[in-house]
Amino acid sequence: MGTPGTAPGALRTASVVVVGVGLLSSALSNVLFGRGIGDVSCTYTVKYSPSSPAFWIWYPIYVLGLLAVADQINANSTNGEYDDTASNFLYGFAWMAAAAWTPAFTRTNKIEVDNKIEVDSKEPSLNSTTKTGLTEKGSSTKEIPYPPTLALAAVFLVLTAALSMSATIVSNAWSKTLPNGVRSFSAMAYASLAGWTLIASSLNVIIAYKANDNVPDPPCDEEDEYPNTYNILSKIDPDYSTPTPLVLSLLVAVVASLLPNPVLPIPVIWALLWIQPSYWNYTAIVVLIASFSVAVFRLVSS
């Protein structure tokens, strides 16, 4: 038996299994459906969408999840005294929602489009003028993002963010009073997924809105699938200035300071480093660094 207040052993084990299944299902979903993510992101431009290098953060997020599973299996097999069952279930279901997100986000719909072909003929016409600039019409099919499933994808990703944020808040992984001390891998795993998907889900909500507002964005060329890379050192462009990242950063800063949790602001800072810069974003980074400092101070001094 475990310590008083811990969940039954079978339930603890089940919660770790749910995390493992969620991680594997999300990884498999990305392998099968992830190639179309860039196409959709290009089609619907959002002012604070990060450049493609920012999305490399998914690799450490996955690694931290796997390390958390391994750490908890080891802790429970050796003494059975570590219990973060509720957070594990929330975190595991968050990954399952992320697995459902990928095929929904990349679903396409085939439409028929008219093609106009320029004709330049030197043959004389009846009135002895040259026929230039005439067009011949043809048609072809084109695959475009499917608006209804983009809305469904937004629901899945918001659910991922909400569940992982709940796991971060509910978790006792930072507690120094645990029999085995702080469970750093679990603490980092929950918070890294929560911080990143908060930004990602807000982007998806805007993309879903744009896809369903009957106002088409300019089409993407193949070479534009991955936009030019920009970062916090790029020149400020007023057209890309929006307070949304600052609002999201304030939310993260408050939660990180109160818990305290120094990892939660890091994925958001990472995203801001790869977003078209603005004074809103500069302010957001300062706020997040301050919350990180507060969280570290509270953990160290407790």
C-alpha atoms as a PDB file:
ATOM      1  CA  MET A   1       0.000   0.000   0.000  1.00  0.00           C
ATOM      2  CA  GLY A   2       1.069   3.566  -0.632  1.00  0.00           C
ATOM      3  CA  THR A   3       1.065   6.494   1.726  1.00  0.00           C
ATOM      4  CA  PRO A   4      -2.230   7.876   3.041  1.00  0.00           C
ATOM      5  CA  GLY A   5      -4.083   9.955   0.463  1.00  0.00           C
ATOM      6  CA  THR A   6      -2.530   8.287  -2.562  1.00  0.00           C
ATOM      7  CA  ALA A   7      -4.614   6.612  -5.252  1.00  0.00           C
ATOM      8  CA  PRO A   8      -4.780   2.798  -5.403  1.00  0.00           C
ATOM      9  CA  GLY A   9      -1.810   1.222  -7.156  1.00  0.00           C
ATOM     10  CA  ALA A  10      -3.848   0.025 -10.136  1.00  0.00           C
ATOM     11  CA  LEU A  11      -5.237   3.503 -10.703  1.00  0.00           C
ATOM     12  CA  ARG A  12      -1.780   5.060 -10.518  1.00  0.00           C
ATOM     13  CA  THR A  13      -0.507   2.547 -13.045  1.00  0.00           C
ATOM     14  CA  ALA A  14      -3.474   3.181 -15.330  1.00  0.00           C
ATOM     15  CA  SER A  15      -2.798   6.920 -15.279  1.00  0.00           C
ATOM     16  CA  VAL A  16       0.793   6.375 -16.423  1.00  0.00           C
ATOM     17  CA  VAL A  17      -0.423   4.015 -19.157  1.00  0.00           C
ATOM     18  CA  VAL A  18      -2.848   6.709 -20.367  1.00  0.00           C
ATOM     19  CA  VAL A  19       0.056   9.140 -20.675  1.00  0.00           C
ATOM     20  CA  GLY A  20       2.102   6.601 -22.650  1.00  0.00           C
ATOM     21  CA  VAL A  21      -0.787   5.800 -24.983  1.00  0.00           C
ATOM     22  CA  GLY A  22      -1.494   9.498 -25.497  1.00  0.00           C
ATOM     23  CA  LEU A  23       2.121  10.254 -26.378  1.00  0.00           C
ATOM     24  CA  LEU A  24       2.384   7.358 -28.822  1.00  0.00           C
ATOM     25  CA  SER A  25      -0.946   8.143 -30.488  1.00  0.00           C
ATOM     26  CA  SER A  26       0.055  11.774 -30.968  1.00  0.00           C
ATOM     27  CA  ALA A  27       3.435  10.805 -32.434  1.00  0.00           C
ATOM     28  CA  LEU A  28       1.795   8.326 -34.823  1.00  0.00           C
ATOM     29  CA  SER A  29      -0.840  10.878 -35.818  1.00  0.00           C
ATOM     30  CA  ASN A  30       1.884  13.374 -36.724  1.00  0.00           C
ATOM     31  CA  VAL A  31       3.722  10.778 -38.810  1.00  0.00           C
ATOM     32  CA  LEU A  32       0.560   9.928 -40.741  1.00  0.00           C
ATOM     33  CA  PHE A  33      -1.045  13.367 -41.116  1.00  0.00           C
ATOM     34  CA  GLY A  34       1.504  15.995 -40.136  1.00  0.00           C
ATOM     35  CA  ARG A  35       2.821  16.847 -43.606  1.00  0.00           C
ATOM     36  CA  GLY A  36      -0.118  19.110 -44.393  1.00  0.00           C
ATOM     37  CA  ILE A  37       0.252  21.360 -41.338  1.00  0.00           C
ATOM     38  CA  GLY A  38       2.499  23.840 -43.158  1.00  0.00           C
ATOM     39  CA  ASP A  39       0.071  24.145 -46.074  1.00  0.00           C
ATOM     40  CA  VAL A  40      -2.831  25.127 -43.820  1.00  0.00           C
ATOM     41  CA  SER A  41      -0.724  27.554 -41.804  1.00  0.00           C
ATOM     42  CA  CYS A  42       0.382  29.219 -45.027  1.00  0.00           C
ATOM     43  CA  THR A  43      -3.139  29.479 -46.389  1.00  0.00           C
ATOM     44  CA  TYR A  44      -4.490  31.371 -43.380  1.00  0.00           C
ATOM     45  CA  THR A  45      -1.977  33.922 -42.158  1.00  0.00           C
ATOM     46  CA  VAL A  46      -2.148  34.995 -38.515  1.00  0.00           C
ATOM     47  CA  LYS A  47      -0.260  38.100 -37.393  1.00  0.00           C
ATOM     48  CA  TYR A  48       1.564  36.339 -34.577  1.00  0.00           C
ATOM     49  CA  SER A  49       2.147  32.967 -36.189  1.00  0.00           C
ATOM     50  CA  PRO A  50       5.698  31.791 -35.333  1.00  0.00           C
ATOM     51  CA  SER A  51       8.267  31.007 -38.013  1.00  0.00           C
ATOM     52  CA  SER A  52       8.861  27.348 -38.786  1.00  0.00           C
ATOM     53  CA  PRO A  53      11.960  26.952 -36.502  1.00  0.00           C
ATOM     54  CA  ALA A  54       9.725  27.608 -33.475  1.00  0.00           C
ATOM     55  CA  PHE A  55       7.923  24.302 -34.025  1.00  0.00           C
ATOM     56  CA  TRP A  56      11.059  22.318 -33.236  1.00  0.00           C
ATOM     57  CA  ILE A  57       9.924  22.722 -29.624  1.00  0.00           C
ATOM     58  CA  TRP A  58       7.669  19.703 -30.155  1.00  0.00           C
ATOM     59  CA  TYR A  59      10.730  17.437 -29.912  1.00  0.00           C
ATOM     60  CA  PRO A  60      11.709  18.385 -26.330  1.00  0.00           C
ATOM     61  CA  ILE A  61       8.016  18.389 -25.372  1.00  0.00           C
ATOM     62  CA  TYR A  62       7.719  14.769 -26.530  1.00  0.00           C
ATOM     63  CA  VAL A  63      11.019  13.813 -24.876  1.00  0.00           C
ATOM     64  CA  LEU A  64       9.939  15.338 -21.559  1.00  0.00           C
ATOM     65  CA  GLY A  65       6.700  13.361 -21.751  1.00  0.00           C
ATOM     66  CA  LEU A  66       8.588  10.105 -22.268  1.00  0.00           C
ATOM     67  CA  LEU A  67      11.004  10.935 -19.438  1.00  0.00           C
ATOM     68  CA  ALA A  68       8.058  11.649 -17.136  1.00  0.00           C
ATOM     69  CA  VAL A  69       6.563   8.246 -17.936  1.00  0.00           C
ATOM     70  CA  ALA A  70       9.891   6.486 -17.307  1.00  0.00           C
ATOM     71  CA  ASP A  71      10.455   8.408 -14.064  1.00  0.00           C
ATOM     72  CA  GLN A  72       7.011   7.570 -12.704  1.00  0.00           C
ATOM     73  CA  ILE A  73       7.278   3.904 -13.657  1.00  0.00           C
ATOM     74  CA  ASN A  74      10.565   3.764 -11.760  1.00  0.00           C
ATOM     75  CA  ALA A  75       9.142   5.603  -8.721  1.00  0.00           C
ATOM     76  CA  ASN A  76       6.028   3.457  -8.485  1.00  0.00           C
ATOM     77  CA  SER A  77       7.878   0.195  -9.008  1.00  0.00           C
ATOM     78  CA  THR A  78      10.430   0.933  -6.306  1.00  0.00           C
ATOM     79  CA  ASN A  79       8.278   2.246  -3.450  1.00  0.00           C
ATOM     80  CA  GLY A  80       4.804   3.143  -4.711  1.00  0.00           C
ATOM     81  CA  GLU A  81       4.790   6.415  -2.794  1.00  0.00           C
ATOM     82  CA  TYR A  82       4.697   8.886  -5.664  1.00  0.00           C
ATOM     83  CA  ASP A  83       1.176   9.896  -6.639  1.00  0.00           C
ATOM     84  CA  ASP A  84       0.196  12.381  -9.325  1.00  0.00           C
ATOM     85  CA  THR A  85      -2.652  10.314 -10.713  1.00  0.00           C
ATOM     86  CA  ALA A  86      -5.117  13.107 -11.460  1.00  0.00           C
ATOM     87  CA  SER A  87      -2.501  15.137 -13.359  1.00  0.00           C
ATOM     88  CA  ASN A  88      -1.429  12.069 -15.300  1.00  0.00           C
ATOM     89  CA  PHE A  89      -4.953  11.414 -16.523  1.00  0.00           C
ATOM     90  CA  LEU A  90      -5.370  15.072 -17.524  1.00  0.00           C
ATOM     91  CA  TYR A  91      -1.990  15.100 -19.262  1.00  0.00           C
ATOM     92  CA  GLY A  92      -2.616  11.779 -21.042  1.00  0.00           C
ATOM     93  CA  PHE A  93      -6.026  12.875 -22.322  1.00  0.00           C
ATOM     94  CA  ALA A  94      -4.426  16.132 -23.487  1.00  0.00           C
ATOM     95  CA  TRP A  95      -2.106  14.112 -25.716  1.00  0.00           C
ATOM     96  CA  MET A  96      -5.037  12.102 -27.060  1.00  0.00           C
ATOM     97  CA  ALA A  97      -6.789  15.347 -27.998  1.00  0.00           C
ATOM     98  CA  ALA A  98      -3.560  16.428 -29.714  1.00  0.00           C
ATOM     99  CA  ALA A  99      -3.576  13.161 -31.670  1.00  0.00           C
ATOM    100  CA  ALA A 100      -7.108  13.877 -32.886  1.00  0.00           C
ATOM    101  CA  TRP A 101      -6.090  17.432 -33.811  1.00  0.00           C
ATOM    102  CA  THR A 102      -3.625  16.539 -36.569  1.00  0.00           C
ATOM    103  CA  PRO A 103      -5.977  14.767 -39.050  1.00  0.00           C
ATOM    104  CA  ALA A 104      -8.699  17.330 -38.385  1.00  0.00           C
ATOM    105  CA  PHE A 105      -6.359  20.260 -39.047  1.00  0.00           C
ATOM    106  CA  THR A 106      -4.877  18.791 -42.236  1.00  0.00           C
ATOM    107  CA  ARG A 107      -8.130  17.510 -43.781  1.00  0.00           C
ATOM    108  CA  THR A 108      -8.566  18.915 -47.282  1.00  0.00           C
ATOM    109  CA  ASN A 109     -11.448  19.267 -49.692  1.00  0.00           C
ATOM    110  CA  LYS A 110     -11.148  19.014 -53.482  1.00  0.00           C
ATOM    111  CA  ILE A 111     -12.701  21.852 -55.479  1.00  0.00           C
ATOM    112  CA  GLU A 112     -12.871  22.570 -59.193  1.00  0.00           C
ATOM    113  CA  VAL A 113     -11.152  25.755 -60.319  1.00  0.00           C
ATOM    114  CA  ASP A 114     -11.186  27.554 -63.664  1.00  0.00           C
ATOM    115  CA  ASN A 115      -7.872  28.011 -65.410  1.00  0.00           C
ATOM    116  CA  LYS A 116      -7.266  30.812 -67.923  1.00  0.00           C
ATOM    117  CA  ILE A 117      -4.597  30.239 -70.546  1.00  0.00           C
ATOM    118  CA  GLU A 118      -3.159  33.168 -72.525  1.00  0.00           C
ATOM    119  CA  VAL A 119      -3.279  32.762 -76.310  1.00  0.00           C
ATOM    120  CA  ASP A 120      -0.983  34.760 -78.587  1.00  0.00           C
ATOM    121  CA  SER A 121      -1.864  34.114 -82.228  1.00  0.00           C
ATOM    122  CA  LYS A 122      -0.267  35.796 -85.252  1.00  0.00           C
ATOM    123  CA  GLU A 123      -2.918  34.557 -87.655  1.00  0.00           C
ATOM    124  CA  PRO A 124      -4.789  37.450 -89.327  1.00  0.00           C
ATOM    125  CA  SER A 125      -8.450  37.763 -88.515  1.00  0.00           C
ATOM    126  CA  LEU A 126     -11.251  38.955 -90.797  1.00  0.00           C
ATOM    127  CA  ASN A 127     -10.469  42.581 -90.021  1.00  0.00           C
ATOM    128  CA  SER A 128      -6.694  42.006 -90.436  1.00  0.00           C
ATOM    129  CA  THR A 129      -5.859  42.586 -86.750  1.00  0.00           C
ATOM    130  CA  THR A 130      -3.762  40.293 -84.597  1.00  0.00           C
ATOM    131  CA  LYS A 131      -5.506  38.109 -82.020  1.00  0.00           C
ATOM    132  CA  THR A 132      -3.580  38.601 -78.807  1.00  0.00           C
ATOM    133  CA  GLY A 133      -4.519  38.380 -75.184  1.00  0.00           C
ATOM    134  CA  LEU A 134      -7.437  35.988 -75.769  1.00  0.00           C
ATOM    135  CA  THR A 135      -8.025  33.322 -73.138  1.00  0.00           C
ATOM    136  CA  GLU A 136      -9.035  29.721 -73.263  1.00  0.00           C
ATOM    137  CA  LYS A 137     -10.779  28.315 -70.246  1.00  0.00           C
ATOM    138  CA  GLY A 138     -10.081  24.992 -68.645  1.00  0.00           C
ATOM    139  CA  SER A 139     -10.686  23.443 -65.253  1.00  0.00           C
ATOM    140  CA  SER A 140      -8.777  21.418 -62.720  1.00  0.00           C
ATOM    141  CA  THR A 141      -9.151  20.252 -59.165  1.00  0.00           C
ATOM    142  CA  LYS A 142      -7.368  21.788 -56.210  1.00  0.00           C
ATOM    143  CA  GLU A 143      -7.155  20.672 -52.600  1.00  0.00           C
ATOM    144  CA  ILE A 144      -7.892  23.329 -49.990  1.00  0.00           C
ATOM    145  CA  PRO A 145      -8.249  23.138 -46.183  1.00  0.00           C
ATOM    146  CA  TYR A 146     -11.696  21.968 -45.111  1.00  0.00           C
ATOM    147  CA  PRO A 147     -13.302  24.693 -42.944  1.00  0.00           C
ATOM    148  CA  PRO A 148     -15.593  22.434 -40.823  1.00  0.00           C
ATOM    149  CA  THR A 149     -12.709  20.215 -39.689  1.00  0.00           C
ATOM    150  CA  LEU A 150     -10.514  23.257 -39.029  1.00  0.00           C
ATOM    151  CA  ALA A 151     -13.159  24.319 -36.520  1.00  0.00           C
ATOM    152  CA  LEU A 152     -13.129  20.808 -35.051  1.00  0.00           C
ATOM    153  CA  ALA A 153      -9.331  20.947 -34.882  1.00  0.00           C
ATOM    154  CA  ALA A 154      -9.586  24.190 -32.907  1.00  0.00           C
ATOM    155  CA  VAL A 155     -11.792  22.390 -30.378  1.00  0.00           C
ATOM    156  CA  PHE A 156      -9.259  19.554 -30.033  1.00  0.00           C
ATOM    157  CA  LEU A 157      -6.305  21.901 -29.563  1.00  0.00           C
ATOM    158  CA  VAL A 158      -8.138  24.120 -27.079  1.00  0.00           C
ATOM    159  CA  LEU A 159      -8.959  20.913 -25.209  1.00  0.00           C
ATOM    160  CA  THR A 160      -5.274  19.929 -25.298  1.00  0.00           C
ATOM    161  CA  ALA A 161      -4.292  23.302 -23.841  1.00  0.00           C
ATOM    162  CA  ALA A 162      -7.032  23.223 -21.193  1.00  0.00           C
ATOM    163  CA  LEU A 163      -6.255  19.662 -20.059  1.00  0.00           C
ATOM    164  CA  SER A 164      -2.493  20.171 -19.925  1.00  0.00           C
ATOM    165  CA  MET A 165      -2.910  23.487 -18.103  1.00  0.00           C
ATOM    166  CA  SER A 166      -5.212  21.723 -15.631  1.00  0.00           C
ATOM    167  CA  ALA A 167      -2.573  19.026 -15.152  1.00  0.00           C
ATOM    168  CA  THR A 168       0.002  21.742 -14.479  1.00  0.00           C
ATOM    169  CA  ILE A 169      -2.217  23.421 -11.886  1.00  0.00           C
ATOM    170  CA  VAL A 170      -3.375  20.218 -10.172  1.00  0.00           C
ATOM    171  CA  SER A 171       0.052  18.570 -10.106  1.00  0.00           C
ATOM    172  CA  ASN A 172       2.058  18.356  -6.904  1.00  0.00           C
ATOM    173  CA  ALA A 173       5.225  17.485  -8.832  1.00  0.00           C
ATOM    174  CA  TRP A 174       7.100  20.583  -7.605  1.00  0.00           C
ATOM    175  CA  SER A 175       6.364  19.809  -3.958  1.00  0.00           C
ATOM    176  CA  LYS A 176       9.443  19.252  -1.808  1.00  0.00           C
ATOM    177  CA  THR A 177       7.319  17.347   0.712  1.00  0.00           C
ATOM    178  CA  LEU A 178       6.928  14.311  -1.564  1.00  0.00           C
ATOM    179  CA  PRO A 179       8.630  11.190  -0.198  1.00  0.00           C
ATOM    180  CA  ASN A 180      10.970  11.142  -3.199  1.00  0.00           C
ATOM    181  CA  GLY A 181      11.328  14.906  -3.575  1.00  0.00           C
ATOM    182  CA  VAL A 182      10.453  17.069  -6.570  1.00  0.00           C
ATOM    183  CA  ARG A 183       9.412  15.127  -9.694  1.00  0.00           C
ATOM    184  CA  SER A 184      11.070  17.493 -12.140  1.00  0.00           C
ATOM    185  CA  PHE A 185      10.385  15.513 -15.323  1.00  0.00           C
ATOM    186  CA  SER A 186       6.640  15.407 -14.678  1.00  0.00           C
ATOM    187  CA  ALA A 187       6.568  19.069 -13.672  1.00  0.00           C
ATOM    188  CA  MET A 188       8.392  20.117 -16.847  1.00  0.00           C
ATOM    189  CA  ALA A 189       6.357  17.807 -19.071  1.00  0.00           C
ATOM    190  CA  TYR A 190       2.968  19.131 -17.952  1.00  0.00           C
ATOM    191  CA  ALA A 191       3.976  22.793 -18.135  1.00  0.00           C
ATOM    192  CA  SER A 192       5.820  22.659 -21.453  1.00  0.00           C
ATOM    193  CA  LEU A 193       2.816  21.172 -23.247  1.00  0.00           C
ATOM    194  CA  ALA A 194       0.461  23.635 -21.555  1.00  0.00           C
ATOM    195  CA  GLY A 195       2.499  26.741 -22.392  1.00  0.00           C
ATOM    196  CA  TRP A 196       3.064  25.835 -26.025  1.00  0.00           C
ATOM    197  CA  THR A 197      -0.463  24.649 -26.826  1.00  0.00           C
ATOM    198  CA  LEU A 198      -1.948  27.796 -25.272  1.00  0.00           C
ATOM    199  CA  ILE A 199      -0.282  29.762 -28.083  1.00  0.00           C
ATOM    200  CA  ALA A 200      -0.970  27.085 -30.710  1.00  0.00           C
ATOM    201  CA  SER A 201      -4.663  26.743 -29.837  1.00  0.00           C
ATOM    202  CA  SER A 202      -5.212  30.501 -30.089  1.00  0.00           C
ATOM    203  CA  LEU A 203      -3.684  30.398 -33.580  1.00  0.00           C
ATOM    204  CA  ASN A 204      -5.952  27.513 -34.541  1.00  0.00           C
ATOM    205  CA  VAL A 205      -9.042  29.376 -33.336  1.00  0.00           C
ATOM    206  CA  ILE A 206      -8.155  32.342 -35.570  1.00  0.00           C
ATOM    207  CA  ILE A 207      -7.390  30.065 -38.532  1.00  0.00           C
ATOM    208  CA  ALA A 208     -10.744  28.299 -38.097  1.00  0.00           C
ATOM    209  CA  TYR A 209     -12.522  31.653 -37.995  1.00  0.00           C
ATOM    210  CA  LYS A 210     -10.746  32.887 -41.136  1.00  0.00           C
ATOM    211  CA  ALA A 211     -11.519  29.635 -42.948  1.00  0.00           C
ATOM    212  CA  ASN A 212     -15.226  29.950 -42.195  1.00  0.00           C
ATOM    213  CA  ASP A 213     -15.733  33.707 -42.705  1.00  0.00           C
ATOM    214  CA  ASN A 214     -16.192  33.438 -46.513  1.00  0.00           C
ATOM    215  CA  VAL A 215     -13.363  35.933 -47.077  1.00  0.00           C
ATOM    216  CA  PRO A 216     -10.595  33.918 -48.769  1.00  0.00           C
ATOM    217  CA  ASP A 217      -6.971  34.685 -47.982  1.00  0.00           C
ATOM    218  CA  PRO A 218      -4.520  35.044 -50.893  1.00  0.00           C
ATOM    219  CA  PRO A 219      -3.563  31.579 -52.153  1.00  0.00           C
ATOM    220  CA  CYS A 220      -0.195  30.112 -51.203  1.00  0.00           C
ATOM    221  CA  ASP A 221       2.383  29.384 -53.842  1.00  0.00           C
ATOM    222  CA  GLU A 222       4.409  26.210 -53.415  1.00  0.00           C
ATOM    223  CA  GLU A 223       7.508  28.236 -52.575  1.00  0.00           C
ATOM    224  CA  ASP A 224       5.557  30.066 -49.863  1.00  0.00           C
ATOM    225  CA  GLU A 225       4.634  26.922 -47.973  1.00  0.00           C
ATOM    226  CA  TYR A 226       7.115  27.934 -45.290  1.00  0.00           C
ATOM    227  CA  PRO A 227       7.225  31.733 -44.950  1.00  0.00           C
ATOM    228  CA  ASN A 228      10.428  33.690 -44.539  1.00  0.00           C
ATOM    229  CA  THR A 229      12.002  33.168 -41.149  1.00  0.00           C
ATOM    230  CA  TYR A 230      11.727  36.103 -38.784  1.00  0.00           C
ATOM    231  CA  ASN A 231      12.612  36.446 -35.123  1.00  0.00           C
ATOM    232  CA  ILE A 232      12.680  38.905 -32.267  1.00  0.00           C
ATOM    233  CA  LEU A 233      15.639  40.741 -33.890  1.00  0.00           C
ATOM    234  CA  SER A 234      13.805  41.345 -37.173  1.00  0.00           C
ATOM    235  CA  LYS A 235      12.551  44.770 -38.130  1.00  0.00           C
ATOM    236  CA  ILE A 236       9.225  45.778 -36.583  1.00  0.00           C
ATOM    237  CA  ASP A 237       6.361  45.729 -39.060  1.00  0.00           C
ATOM    238  CA  PRO A 238       3.277  47.665 -37.852  1.00  0.00           C
ATOM    239  CA  ASP A 239       1.038  45.411 -39.956  1.00  0.00           C
ATOM    240  CA  TYR A 240       1.942  42.501 -37.672  1.00  0.00           C
ATOM    241  CA  SER A 241       1.383  44.323 -34.395  1.00  0.00           C
ATOM    242  CA  THR A 242      -1.272  42.739 -32.181  1.00  0.00           C
ATOM    243  CA  PRO A 243      -1.761  42.644 -28.382  1.00  0.00           C
ATOM    244  CA  THR A 244      -2.933  39.008 -28.404  1.00  0.00           C
ATOM    245  CA  PRO A 245       0.468  37.499 -27.454  1.00  0.00           C
ATOM    246  CA  LEU A 246       0.719  39.936 -24.534  1.00  0.00           C
ATOM    247  CA  VAL A 247      -2.743  38.960 -23.275  1.00  0.00           C
ATOM    248  CA  LEU A 248      -1.822  35.257 -23.417  1.00  0.00           C
ATOM    249  CA  SER A 249       1.522  35.988 -21.766  1.00  0.00           C
ATOM    250  CA  LEU A 250      -0.151  37.811 -18.886  1.00  0.00           C
ATOM    251  CA  LEU A 251      -2.343  34.764 -18.274  1.00  0.00           C
ATOM    252  CA  VAL A 252       0.684  32.464 -18.249  1.00  0.00           C
ATOM    253  CA  ALA A 253       2.667  34.851 -16.030  1.00  0.00           C
ATOM    254  CA  VAL A 254      -0.066  34.967 -13.393  1.00  0.00           C
ATOM    255  CA  VAL A 255      -0.443  31.173 -13.276  1.00  0.00           C
ATOM    256  CA  ALA A 256       3.326  30.599 -13.248  1.00  0.00           C
ATOM    257  CA  SER A 257       3.850  33.074 -10.395  1.00  0.00           C
ATOM    258  CA  LEU A 258       1.012  31.764  -8.241  1.00  0.00           C
ATOM    259  CA  LEU A 259       1.721  28.029  -8.533  1.00  0.00           C
ATOM    260  CA  PRO A 260       4.799  28.613  -8.665  1.00  0.00           C
ATOM    261  CA  ASN A 261       5.991  27.002 -11.928  1.00  0.00           C
ATOM    262  CA  PRO A 262       9.083  28.358 -13.684  1.00  0.00           C
ATOM    263  CA  VAL A 263       8.715  26.117 -16.755  1.00  0.00           C
ATOM    264  CA  LEU A 264       5.305  27.380 -17.879  1.00  0.00           C
ATOM    265  CA  PRO A 265       6.578  30.713 -19.322  1.00  0.00           C
ATOM    266  CA  ILE A 266       9.459  29.129 -21.265  1.00  0.00           C
ATOM    267  CA  PRO A 267       7.494  27.735 -24.272  1.00  0.00           C
ATOM    268  CA  VAL A 268       5.695  31.063 -24.642  1.00  0.00           C
ATOM    269  CA  ILE A 269       9.003  32.957 -24.557  1.00  0.00           C
ATOM    270  CA  TRP A 270      10.310  30.554 -27.202  1.00  0.00           C
ATOM    271  CA  ALA A 271       7.300  31.255 -29.425  1.00  0.00           C
ATOM    272  CA  LEU A 272       7.745  35.017 -29.035  1.00  0.00           C
ATOM    273  CA  LEU A 273      11.387  34.756 -30.117  1.00  0.00           C
ATOM    274  CA  TRP A 274      10.203  33.508 -33.522  1.00  0.00           C
ATOM    275  CA  ILE A 275       7.207  35.804 -34.020  1.00  0.00           C
ATOM    276  CA  GLN A 276       7.342  39.004 -36.071  1.00  0.00           C
ATOM    277  CA  PRO A 277       8.452  41.486 -33.377  1.00  0.00           C
ATOM    278  CA  SER A 278       6.373  44.325 -32.007  1.00  0.00           C
ATOM    279  CA  TYR A 279       6.365  46.447 -28.883  1.00  0.00           C
ATOM    280  CA  TRP A 280       3.522  44.247 -27.591  1.00  0.00           C
ATOM    281  CA  ASN A 281       5.789  41.217 -27.938  1.00  0.00           C
ATOM    282  CA  TYR A 282       8.747  42.930 -26.287  1.00  0.00           C
ATOM    283  CA  THR A 283       6.528  43.729 -23.318  1.00  0.00           C
ATOM    284  CA  ALA A 284       5.240  40.150 -23.226  1.00  0.00           C
ATOM    285  CA  ILE A 285       8.780  38.757 -23.023  1.00  0.00           C
ATOM    286  CA  VAL A 286       9.632  41.081 -20.124  1.00  0.00           C
ATOM    287  CA  VAL A 287       6.473  39.989 -18.287  1.00  0.00           C
ATOM    288  CA  LEU A 288       7.255  36.306 -18.823  1.00  0.00           C
ATOM    289  CA  ILE A 289      10.867  36.649 -17.684  1.00  0.00           C
ATOM    290  CA  ALA A 290       9.623  38.410 -14.544  1.00  0.00           C
ATOM    291  CA  SER A 291       7.156  35.579 -13.825  1.00  0.00           C
ATOM    292  CA  PHE A 292       9.906  33.011 -14.375  1.00  0.00           C
ATOM    293  CA  SER A 293      12.074  34.840 -11.848  1.00  0.00           C
ATOM    294  CA  VAL A 294       9.245  35.036  -9.319  1.00  0.00           C
ATOM    295  CA  ALA A 295       8.510  31.317  -9.708  1.00  0.00           C
ATOM    296  CA  VAL A 296      12.173  30.352  -9.250  1.00  0.00           C
ATOM    297  CA  PHE A 297      12.498  32.597  -6.200  1.00  0.00           C
ATOM    298  CA  ARG A 298       9.394  31.123  -4.569  1.00  0.00           C
ATOM    299  CA  LEU A 299      10.561  27.544  -5.192  1.00  0.00           C
ATOM    300  CA  VAL A 300      14.052  28.189  -3.876  1.00  0.00           C
ATOM    301  CA  SER A 301      12.895  30.094  -0.815  1.00  0.00           C
ATOM    302  CA  SER A 302      10.103  27.704   0.164  1.00  0.00           C
END
